[in-house]
């Protein structure tokens, strides 16, 4: 597979383990099979955009976090630039905000029915 497929797979695994989540739990939250998630994480399968969105929702991160190795999961799943963790510690970031403060619709949590 291509380099980007491998990178996204590694990133999904990294975010999942940072969140303390098992493959079984993420697969359930993303509504995919454990074997498919395992293949994604190993870079053996290229997920569709809809699957990437469901993975991001399951991980409670914006979709962009799956492509940016310089982000970590922050409070309530907000992607935070590694160089700017102090702002997150001060509570400046909220769910749905990106680093510039604009909304990221994909940052909503699974089961979040409120707007």
Protein backbone atom coordinates (compact mmCIF):
# COMPACT_ATOMS: atom_id res chain seq x y z
CA UNK A 1 0.00 0.00 0.00
CA UNK A 2 0.96 3.62 -0.31
CA UNK A 3 2.83 5.64 2.27
CA UNK A 4 -0.26 7.66 3.22
CA UNK A 5 -2.27 4.50 3.89
CA UNK A 6 0.49 3.23 6.16
CA UNK A 7 0.79 6.62 7.89
CA UNK A 8 -2.94 6.89 8.54
CA UNK A 9 -3.01 3.35 9.88
CA UNK A 10 -0.15 4.05 12.27
CA UNK A 11 -1.86 7.26 13.34
CA UNK A 12 -5.16 5.47 14.06
CA UNK A 13 -3.28 2.95 16.21
CA UNK A 14 -1.37 5.74 18.00
CA UNK A 15 -4.53 7.71 18.79
CA UNK A 16 -6.36 4.54 19.87
CA UNK A 17 -3.63 3.50 22.27
CA UNK A 18 -3.29 7.07 23.61
CA UNK A 19 -7.00 6.94 24.36
CA UNK A 20 -6.54 3.61 26.16
CA UNK A 21 -8.98 1.97 23.76
CA UNK A 22 -8.91 -1.61 22.51
CA UNK A 23 -9.34 -2.48 18.86
CA UNK A 24 -12.62 -4.11 19.80
CA UNK A 25 -13.94 -0.91 21.40
CA UNK A 26 -12.87 1.37 18.53
CA UNK A 27 -14.25 -1.05 15.94
CA UNK A 28 -17.57 -1.07 17.78
CA UNK A 29 -17.66 2.73 18.01
CA UNK A 30 -16.71 3.12 14.32
CA UNK A 31 -19.13 0.38 13.24
CA UNK A 32 -16.46 -1.67 11.46
CA UNK A 33 -15.09 -5.15 12.09
CA UNK A 34 -12.07 -5.70 14.32
CA UNK A 35 -10.28 -7.44 11.47
CA UNK A 36 -10.83 -4.44 9.16
CA UNK A 37 -9.55 -2.06 11.85
CA UNK A 38 -6.51 -4.28 12.31
CA UNK A 39 -5.81 -4.21 8.56
CA UNK A 40 -6.19 -0.39 8.53
CA UNK A 41 -3.76 -0.04 11.43
CA UNK A 42 -1.22 -2.27 9.66
CA UNK A 43 -1.57 -0.25 6.45
CA UNK A 44 -3.00 -3.20 4.54
CA UNK A 45 -6.33 -1.55 3.68
CA UNK A 46 -7.25 1.95 2.55
CA UNK A 47 -10.41 3.09 4.34
CA UNK A 48 -13.12 5.13 2.60
CA UNK A 49 -13.72 8.71 3.72
CA UNK A 50 -16.86 7.64 5.58
CA UNK A 51 -14.82 5.07 7.52
CA UNK A 52 -12.20 7.69 8.36
CA UNK A 53 -14.96 9.94 9.68
CA UNK A 54 -16.38 7.12 11.83
CA UNK A 55 -12.90 6.30 13.15
CA UNK A 56 -12.36 9.96 14.05
CA UNK A 57 -15.74 10.07 15.79
CA UNK A 58 -14.92 6.88 17.65
CA UNK A 59 -11.60 8.34 18.75
CA UNK A 60 -13.26 11.70 19.51
CA UNK A 61 -10.79 13.61 17.36
CA UNK A 62 -11.26 15.69 14.21
CA UNK A 63 -10.65 13.83 10.96
CA UNK A 64 -7.57 15.98 10.36
CA UNK A 65 -5.90 14.35 13.38
CA UNK A 66 -5.71 11.11 11.40
CA UNK A 67 -3.41 12.85 8.92
CA UNK A 68 -1.34 15.03 11.26
CA UNK A 69 1.38 13.26 13.22
CA UNK A 70 2.15 16.51 15.06
CA UNK A 71 -1.11 16.43 17.03
CA UNK A 72 -2.09 14.59 20.17
CA UNK A 73 -5.49 13.86 21.63
CA UNK A 74 -6.38 16.66 24.01
CA UNK A 75 -9.24 17.30 26.39
CA UNK A 76 -12.49 15.78 25.12
CA UNK A 77 -10.76 14.57 21.97
CA UNK A 78 -9.66 17.93 20.55
CA UNK A 79 -6.57 17.67 18.38
CA UNK A 80 -3.80 19.78 19.82
CA UNK A 81 -0.55 20.74 18.20
CA UNK A 82 2.28 19.23 20.27
CA UNK A 83 3.94 22.62 20.51
CA UNK A 84 0.83 24.20 22.03
CA UNK A 85 -0.20 21.86 24.86
CA UNK A 86 -0.08 24.65 27.44
CA UNK A 87 -3.17 26.30 25.94
CA UNK A 88 -5.10 23.04 26.35
CA UNK A 89 -3.99 22.78 29.96
CA UNK A 90 -5.46 26.24 30.50
CA UNK A 91 -8.83 25.05 29.13
CA UNK A 92 -8.76 27.26 26.04
CA UNK A 93 -9.64 24.44 23.67
CA UNK A 94 -13.20 23.15 23.53
CA UNK A 95 -14.66 20.20 21.67
CA UNK A 96 -15.30 21.27 18.07
CA UNK A 97 -12.51 23.86 17.97
CA UNK A 98 -9.48 23.59 15.80
CA UNK A 99 -6.24 25.41 16.56
CA UNK A 100 -7.59 28.57 14.96
CA UNK A 101 -10.83 28.36 16.97
CA UNK A 102 -13.16 27.45 14.09
CA UNK A 103 -15.65 24.62 14.33
CA UNK A 104 -14.80 21.11 13.19
CA UNK A 105 -18.06 19.21 12.70
CA UNK A 106 -16.26 15.86 12.77
CA UNK A 107 -15.03 16.52 16.31
CA UNK A 108 -18.39 15.63 17.86
CA UNK A 109 -18.37 12.55 20.05
CA UNK A 110 -20.17 9.35 19.16
CA UNK A 111 -23.68 9.61 20.54
CA UNK A 112 -23.58 13.40 20.80
CA UNK A 113 -27.05 14.43 19.67
CA UNK A 114 -26.83 18.01 20.86
CA UNK A 115 -25.87 20.98 18.70
